[in-house]
Amino acid sequence: MADSTDYKMWLKRADQDMLMAEIVLSQGGKGLEEAICYTCQQAAEKFLKAFILYNTHEMMRTHDLRFLLGKCIEINSTFSSIEENVKILNEYSVAARYPGDFVESYTLDDARQAYEHAIAIKNKIISCI
C-alpha cells in the first residue's frame, strides 16, 4: 500500500492517536503507560509528517522525530520551540515498539507528560497550517 500524501489524512490519524491516549488516560491509564507514551510518539510523528507534506508534498519515511523536526525547522524556524517536546517523545519510538525493548519503568506521570508533549506539537502544527 502506498503512503498517503494527503496531509489532512495524516492530521486525522494523528488526532485519532491523541483521542486514544486521552480516553485511556481519562480511564486511569494504569498498566498502559508504555502504550500511551508510544501512541503519543506516533501522533507527534504524524503531525510532523503532515506539516512537511503540507509544505513540500514530500513523504518522509522515518520514525525519527528529531529528523522530522529538522525538516520542519528548515521550512519554519519557529519550530525550534518544540525541540524539547520532540526530544522526549522520540525516546518512546523504540522503547515501546518492540516487546524486547519495553521499558517497564514508565509511570502514569510519564504517560501524562507524553500526552502534553504531543499536544504542544499538535498546537504548533495546527497554528502553522
N, C-alpha and C. Protein backbone atom coordinates (compact mmCIF):
# COMPACT_ATOMS: atom_id res chain seq x y z
N MET A 1 0.84 -1.16 0.00
CA MET A 1 0.00 0.00 0.00
C MET A 1 0.89 1.24 0.00
N ALA A 2 0.57 2.17 -0.87
CA ALA A 2 1.36 3.40 -0.97
C ALA A 2 1.02 4.34 0.18
N ASP A 3 2.01 5.12 0.59
CA ASP A 3 1.78 6.12 1.63
C ASP A 3 0.90 7.23 1.09
N SER A 4 0.02 7.70 1.91
CA SER A 4 -0.83 8.81 1.55
C SER A 4 -0.01 10.10 1.53
N THR A 5 -0.27 10.93 0.57
CA THR A 5 0.40 12.23 0.53
C THR A 5 -0.60 13.35 0.83
N ASP A 6 -1.75 12.98 1.36
CA ASP A 6 -2.76 13.96 1.77
C ASP A 6 -2.51 14.33 3.23
N TYR A 7 -2.02 15.52 3.45
CA TYR A 7 -1.66 15.93 4.80
C TYR A 7 -2.87 15.88 5.75
N LYS A 8 -4.06 16.09 5.22
CA LYS A 8 -5.26 16.06 6.05
C LYS A 8 -5.50 14.67 6.63
N MET A 9 -5.17 13.64 5.87
CA MET A 9 -5.31 12.27 6.37
C MET A 9 -4.33 12.01 7.51
N TRP A 10 -3.13 12.56 7.39
CA TRP A 10 -2.15 12.41 8.47
C TRP A 10 -2.62 13.12 9.74
N LEU A 11 -3.21 14.31 9.56
CA LEU A 11 -3.75 15.02 10.72
C LEU A 11 -4.88 14.24 11.37
N LYS A 12 -5.73 13.66 10.54
CA LYS A 12 -6.85 12.87 11.06
C LYS A 12 -6.35 11.68 11.87
N ARG A 13 -5.38 10.96 11.34
CA ARG A 13 -4.84 9.79 12.05
C ARG A 13 -4.12 10.21 13.33
N ALA A 14 -3.43 11.33 13.29
CA ALA A 14 -2.76 11.84 14.49
C ALA A 14 -3.80 12.19 15.55
N ASP A 15 -4.88 12.82 15.13
CA ASP A 15 -5.95 13.15 16.08
C ASP A 15 -6.57 11.89 16.67
N GLN A 16 -6.67 10.83 15.89
CA GLN A 16 -7.18 9.56 16.42
C GLN A 16 -6.24 9.01 17.48
N ASP A 17 -4.95 9.09 17.24
CA ASP A 17 -3.97 8.65 18.25
C ASP A 17 -4.13 9.46 19.53
N MET A 18 -4.28 10.77 19.37
CA MET A 18 -4.43 11.63 20.54
C MET A 18 -5.71 11.31 21.31
N LEU A 19 -6.79 11.06 20.59
CA LEU A 19 -8.04 10.70 21.24
C LEU A 19 -7.90 9.39 22.00
N MET A 20 -7.21 8.44 21.40
CA MET A 20 -6.99 7.15 22.07
C MET A 20 -6.23 7.36 23.38
N ALA A 21 -5.17 8.13 23.33
CA ALA A 21 -4.38 8.40 24.54
C ALA A 21 -5.23 9.13 25.57
N GLU A 22 -6.02 10.09 25.13
CA GLU A 22 -6.86 10.86 26.04
C GLU A 22 -7.89 9.96 26.73
N ILE A 23 -8.51 9.08 25.97
CA ILE A 23 -9.51 8.18 26.54
C ILE A 23 -8.88 7.25 27.57
N VAL A 24 -7.76 6.67 27.22
CA VAL A 24 -7.09 5.76 28.15
C VAL A 24 -6.66 6.50 29.42
N LEU A 25 -6.12 7.69 29.26
CA LEU A 25 -5.73 8.48 30.43
C LEU A 25 -6.94 8.85 31.29
N SER A 26 -8.05 9.17 30.64
CA SER A 26 -9.25 9.55 31.40
C SER A 26 -9.82 8.37 32.19
N GLN A 27 -9.49 7.17 31.77
CA GLN A 27 -9.94 5.96 32.47
C GLN A 27 -8.92 5.50 33.51
N GLY A 28 -7.88 6.27 33.69
CA GLY A 28 -6.87 5.96 34.71
C GLY A 28 -5.53 5.59 34.11
N GLY A 29 -5.53 4.90 32.98
CA GLY A 29 -4.29 4.58 32.27
C GLY A 29 -3.39 3.55 32.92
N LYS A 30 -3.76 3.08 34.10
CA LYS A 30 -2.90 2.15 34.84
C LYS A 30 -2.66 0.87 34.03
N GLY A 31 -1.38 0.51 33.92
CA GLY A 31 -1.00 -0.68 33.19
C GLY A 31 -0.78 -0.45 31.70
N LEU A 32 -1.10 0.73 31.22
CA LEU A 32 -0.96 1.04 29.79
C LEU A 32 -0.01 2.21 29.55
N GLU A 33 0.84 2.48 30.50
CA GLU A 33 1.74 3.64 30.42
C GLU A 33 2.62 3.59 29.17
N GLU A 34 3.21 2.44 28.88
CA GLU A 34 4.09 2.32 27.70
C GLU A 34 3.31 2.55 26.42
N ALA A 35 2.09 1.99 26.37
CA ALA A 35 1.25 2.15 25.18
C ALA A 35 0.86 3.61 24.97
N ILE A 36 0.57 4.30 26.05
CA ILE A 36 0.21 5.72 25.94
C ILE A 36 1.39 6.53 25.43
N CYS A 37 2.56 6.29 25.99
CA CYS A 37 3.76 7.01 25.55
C CYS A 37 4.03 6.76 24.07
N TYR A 38 3.92 5.50 23.65
CA TYR A 38 4.15 5.15 22.25
C TYR A 38 3.10 5.80 21.34
N THR A 39 1.85 5.78 21.76
CA THR A 39 0.78 6.37 20.96
C THR A 39 1.00 7.87 20.79
N CYS A 40 1.47 8.52 21.84
CA CYS A 40 1.76 9.96 21.75
C CYS A 40 2.92 10.23 20.80
N GLN A 41 3.93 9.36 20.83
CA GLN A 41 5.05 9.49 19.89
C GLN A 41 4.53 9.33 18.46
N GLN A 42 3.65 8.36 18.25
CA GLN A 42 3.10 8.13 16.92
C GLN A 42 2.28 9.32 16.44
N ALA A 43 1.51 9.92 17.33
CA ALA A 43 0.74 11.11 16.97
C ALA A 43 1.66 12.24 16.56
N ALA A 44 2.72 12.46 17.35
CA ALA A 44 3.67 13.53 17.03
C ALA A 44 4.31 13.29 15.66
N GLU A 45 4.66 12.05 15.39
CA GLU A 45 5.25 11.70 14.09
C GLU A 45 4.29 12.06 12.96
N LYS A 46 3.04 11.73 13.12
CA LYS A 46 2.05 12.02 12.08
C LYS A 46 1.81 13.51 11.93
N PHE A 47 1.78 14.25 13.04
CA PHE A 47 1.62 15.71 12.96
C PHE A 47 2.79 16.34 12.20
N LEU A 48 4.01 15.93 12.54
CA LEU A 48 5.18 16.49 11.86
C LEU A 48 5.19 16.14 10.38
N LYS A 49 4.85 14.91 10.05
CA LYS A 49 4.79 14.49 8.64
C LYS A 49 3.71 15.28 7.89
N ALA A 50 2.59 15.55 8.55
CA ALA A 50 1.53 16.34 7.92
C ALA A 50 2.03 17.73 7.56
N PHE A 51 2.77 18.35 8.48
CA PHE A 51 3.30 19.69 8.22
C PHE A 51 4.27 19.67 7.04
N ILE A 52 5.14 18.67 7.02
CA ILE A 52 6.09 18.56 5.91
C ILE A 52 5.35 18.34 4.60
N LEU A 53 4.38 17.45 4.59
CA LEU A 53 3.58 17.21 3.38
C LEU A 53 2.87 18.48 2.92
N TYR A 54 2.29 19.19 3.85
CA TYR A 54 1.56 20.42 3.55
C TYR A 54 2.46 21.42 2.82
N ASN A 55 3.71 21.48 3.25
CA ASN A 55 4.63 22.48 2.71
C ASN A 55 5.47 22.02 1.54
N THR A 56 5.79 20.74 1.48
CA THR A 56 6.72 20.28 0.44
C THR A 56 6.16 19.19 -0.46
N HIS A 57 5.06 18.57 -0.05
CA HIS A 57 4.48 17.41 -0.76
C HIS A 57 5.45 16.24 -0.80
N GLU A 58 6.43 16.25 0.09
CA GLU A 58 7.43 15.19 0.17
C GLU A 58 7.11 14.28 1.35
N MET A 59 7.07 12.97 1.08
CA MET A 59 6.79 11.98 2.12
C MET A 59 8.08 11.58 2.80
N MET A 60 8.12 11.72 4.10
CA MET A 60 9.29 11.33 4.89
C MET A 60 9.08 9.92 5.42
N ARG A 61 9.98 9.02 5.08
CA ARG A 61 9.89 7.63 5.51
C ARG A 61 10.87 7.39 6.66
N THR A 62 10.50 7.90 7.81
CA THR A 62 11.31 7.74 9.01
C THR A 62 10.41 7.83 10.23
N HIS A 63 10.87 7.25 11.32
CA HIS A 63 10.16 7.38 12.60
C HIS A 63 10.89 8.33 13.54
N ASP A 64 12.01 8.87 13.09
CA ASP A 64 12.86 9.72 13.92
C ASP A 64 12.27 11.13 14.01
N LEU A 65 11.70 11.44 15.14
CA LEU A 65 11.08 12.76 15.31
C LEU A 65 12.08 13.89 15.19
N ARG A 66 13.30 13.66 15.62
CA ARG A 66 14.33 14.72 15.53
C ARG A 66 14.61 15.05 14.07
N PHE A 67 14.69 14.03 13.23
CA PHE A 67 14.90 14.26 11.80
C PHE A 67 13.72 15.03 11.21
N LEU A 68 12.51 14.61 11.55
CA LEU A 68 11.32 15.28 11.04
C LEU A 68 11.26 16.73 11.51
N LEU A 69 11.62 16.96 12.76
CA LEU A 69 11.65 18.33 13.27
C LEU A 69 12.66 19.17 12.50
N GLY A 70 13.80 18.59 12.19
CA GLY A 70 14.80 19.31 11.40
C GLY A 70 14.23 19.79 10.07
N LYS A 71 13.45 18.92 9.43
CA LYS A 71 12.79 19.32 8.17
C LYS A 71 11.79 20.44 8.41
N CYS A 72 11.06 20.35 9.52
CA CYS A 72 10.10 21.40 9.85
C CYS A 72 10.80 22.74 10.10
N ILE A 73 11.93 22.68 10.79
CA ILE A 73 12.69 23.90 11.08
C ILE A 73 13.23 24.52 9.78
N GLU A 74 13.60 23.69 8.82
CA GLU A 74 14.03 24.21 7.51
C GLU A 74 12.91 25.01 6.86
N ILE A 75 11.68 24.58 7.08
CA ILE A 75 10.51 25.25 6.50
C ILE A 75 10.13 26.48 7.32
N ASN A 76 10.19 26.33 8.66
CA ASN A 76 9.74 27.40 9.55
C ASN A 76 10.61 27.35 10.81
N SER A 77 11.48 28.30 10.96
CA SER A 77 12.46 28.27 12.05
C SER A 77 11.82 28.31 13.44
N THR A 78 10.58 28.75 13.55
CA THR A 78 9.93 28.81 14.87
C THR A 78 9.65 27.42 15.44
N PHE A 79 9.82 26.40 14.63
CA PHE A 79 9.60 25.03 15.11
C PHE A 79 10.67 24.61 16.13
N SER A 80 11.72 25.38 16.24
CA SER A 80 12.72 25.07 17.26
C SER A 80 12.11 25.17 18.67
N SER A 81 10.97 25.84 18.79
CA SER A 81 10.31 25.98 20.09
C SER A 81 9.76 24.66 20.63
N ILE A 82 9.61 23.64 19.78
CA ILE A 82 9.09 22.36 20.25
C ILE A 82 10.18 21.29 20.29
N GLU A 83 11.42 21.71 20.25
CA GLU A 83 12.54 20.78 20.23
C GLU A 83 12.55 19.86 21.47
N GLU A 84 12.30 20.41 22.63
CA GLU A 84 12.32 19.59 23.85
C GLU A 84 11.18 18.56 23.84
N ASN A 85 10.01 18.97 23.36
CA ASN A 85 8.88 18.05 23.25
C ASN A 85 9.22 16.87 22.35
N VAL A 86 9.83 17.19 21.22
CA VAL A 86 10.21 16.17 20.24
C VAL A 86 11.28 15.25 20.82
N LYS A 87 12.26 15.83 21.48
CA LYS A 87 13.35 15.04 22.06
C LYS A 87 12.80 13.99 23.03
N ILE A 88 11.90 14.39 23.88
CA ILE A 88 11.34 13.47 24.87
C ILE A 88 10.49 12.39 24.20
N LEU A 89 9.60 12.79 23.31
CA LEU A 89 8.74 11.80 22.65
C LEU A 89 9.52 10.85 21.76
N ASN A 90 10.61 11.31 21.19
CA ASN A 90 11.41 10.45 20.30
C ASN A 90 11.91 9.21 21.04
N GLU A 91 12.16 9.35 22.33
CA GLU A 91 12.64 8.22 23.13
C GLU A 91 11.63 7.08 23.18
N TYR A 92 10.37 7.39 23.02
CA TYR A 92 9.33 6.37 23.10
C TYR A 92 9.16 5.58 21.80
N SER A 93 9.82 6.00 20.76
CA SER A 93 9.67 5.34 19.47
C SER A 93 10.12 3.89 19.52
N VAL A 94 11.31 3.65 19.99
CA VAL A 94 11.85 2.29 20.05
C VAL A 94 11.52 1.63 21.37
N ALA A 95 11.53 2.41 22.43
CA ALA A 95 11.35 1.85 23.78
C ALA A 95 10.03 1.11 23.94
N ALA A 96 9.02 1.49 23.18
CA ALA A 96 7.72 0.84 23.33
C ALA A 96 7.28 0.11 22.07
N ARG A 97 8.11 0.07 21.05
CA ARG A 97 7.71 -0.52 19.78
C ARG A 97 7.84 -2.04 19.77
N TYR A 98 8.92 -2.56 20.30
CA TYR A 98 9.19 -3.99 20.22
C TYR A 98 9.23 -4.60 21.61
N PRO A 99 8.60 -5.77 21.80
CA PRO A 99 8.50 -6.36 23.14
C PRO A 99 9.82 -6.46 23.88
N GLY A 100 10.89 -6.80 23.24
CA GLY A 100 12.18 -6.91 23.92
C GLY A 100 12.73 -5.58 24.37
N ASP A 101 12.16 -4.51 23.83
CA ASP A 101 12.63 -3.16 24.15
C ASP A 101 11.72 -2.44 25.14
N PHE A 102 10.68 -3.11 25.63
CA PHE A 102 9.75 -2.45 26.54
C PHE A 102 10.49 -1.97 27.78
N VAL A 103 10.17 -0.77 28.17
CA VAL A 103 10.70 -0.21 29.39
C VAL A 103 9.59 -0.30 30.43
N GLU A 104 9.78 -1.11 31.41
CA GLU A 104 8.73 -1.34 32.40
C GLU A 104 8.62 -0.22 33.42
N SER A 105 9.50 0.75 33.37
CA SER A 105 9.51 1.77 34.42
C SER A 105 8.73 3.03 34.06
N TYR A 106 8.05 3.06 32.92
CA TYR A 106 7.25 4.25 32.62
C TYR A 106 6.10 4.34 33.62
N THR A 107 5.87 5.55 34.07
CA THR A 107 4.83 5.79 35.07
C THR A 107 3.64 6.48 34.43
N LEU A 108 2.59 6.59 35.19
CA LEU A 108 1.43 7.33 34.74
C LEU A 108 1.78 8.80 34.52
N ASP A 109 2.69 9.32 35.33
CA ASP A 109 3.15 10.69 35.14
C ASP A 109 3.88 10.83 33.80
N ASP A 110 4.70 9.82 33.44
CA ASP A 110 5.37 9.82 32.13
C ASP A 110 4.34 9.85 31.01
N ALA A 111 3.29 9.05 31.16
CA ALA A 111 2.25 8.97 30.13
C ALA A 111 1.52 10.31 30.00
N ARG A 112 1.21 10.91 31.13
CA ARG A 112 0.54 12.23 31.08
C ARG A 112 1.44 13.28 30.44
N GLN A 113 2.72 13.25 30.78
CA GLN A 113 3.67 14.19 30.18
C GLN A 113 3.82 13.95 28.69
N ALA A 114 3.86 12.68 28.28
CA ALA A 114 3.95 12.37 26.85
C ALA A 114 2.75 12.96 26.12
N TYR A 115 1.59 12.84 26.71
CA TYR A 115 0.37 13.41 26.12
C TYR A 115 0.51 14.93 26.00
N GLU A 116 1.00 15.58 27.03
CA GLU A 116 1.18 17.04 26.99
C GLU A 116 2.21 17.46 25.94
N HIS A 117 3.27 16.68 25.79
CA HIS A 117 4.26 16.98 24.74
C HIS A 117 3.63 16.85 23.36
N ALA A 118 2.83 15.82 23.18
CA ALA A 118 2.16 15.64 21.89
C ALA A 118 1.17 16.76 21.61
N ILE A 119 0.48 17.22 22.64
CA ILE A 119 -0.44 18.36 22.48
C ILE A 119 0.33 19.61 22.05
N ALA A 120 1.49 19.85 22.64
CA ALA A 120 2.30 21.01 22.27
C ALA A 120 2.70 20.95 20.80
N ILE A 121 3.07 19.76 20.35
CA ILE A 121 3.44 19.58 18.94
C ILE A 121 2.23 19.79 18.05
N LYS A 122 1.11 19.20 18.44
CA LYS A 122 -0.12 19.39 17.67
C LYS A 122 -0.46 20.88 17.54
N ASN A 123 -0.43 21.59 18.66
CA ASN A 123 -0.78 23.01 18.64
C ASN A 123 0.14 23.80 17.72
N LYS A 124 1.43 23.46 17.73
CA LYS A 124 2.38 24.16 16.84
C LYS A 124 2.02 23.89 15.38
N ILE A 125 1.76 22.63 15.07
CA ILE A 125 1.43 22.27 13.68
C ILE A 125 0.16 22.98 13.23
N ILE A 126 -0.87 22.90 14.05
CA ILE A 126 -2.16 23.50 13.69
C ILE A 126 -2.03 25.02 13.49
N SER A 127 -1.20 25.65 14.30
CA SER A 127 -1.05 27.10 14.17
C SER A 127 -0.29 27.50 12.90
N CYS A 128 0.38 26.53 12.27
CA CYS A 128 1.20 26.84 11.10
C CYS A 128 0.65 26.27 9.79
N ILE A 129 -0.46 25.61 9.87
CA ILE A 129 -1.08 25.06 8.62
C ILE A 129 -2.28 25.91 8.28
